[in-house]
């Protein structure tokens, strides 16, 4: 049994399908790579700004009312918590987490020794179903008191990439059926 068609029209359809598959796959992988870089930049900028603003706010809140202030500062996607230690999630940081730590400390204008960053599956390994816990940060605000922040990331781009692959499959089936 031969896989390559004998007729000229069959060969043209096969080559067109091959070109379509290759172009869609290249586009898909480029899109996913750029998506990860974009998310890193957006999360780095927004989270650093939000945590720095929360730290400035907490400077003016009496110690007994800080827990309520932290609860009020939290949003659906960015949760704050006060703790005595940075937390277990920050043990053994990766190279990417260390880079985030340096970048965020510079953006927040604080010493990097007061900051801990850990990257969850969302940013560490690209598209992932568990990307809801993409980035955690802990900042030492007082002697012995840490402000922990957990950023959830909503990622609609995965659905766009999936629909692109669906378009490829539908196009291939239609080309085969038409010819």
Foldseek 3Di string as FASTA:
>chain_A
DDPQDDDPLSNVLVVVLVVLVVVLVVVLVVLQVVLLVVVLVVCLVVVLVLVLVLLVVLVPDDPVCNQVSQCVSDDPFKHKDKDLDQDPQQPPADPVQVVSLVSSCVVSVHDSVQKTKHADPPNPPTDDPPQQFGMKMWGDNDVRMIMIMTGGDDDPVVVVSVVSVVVSVVVSVVSVVVD
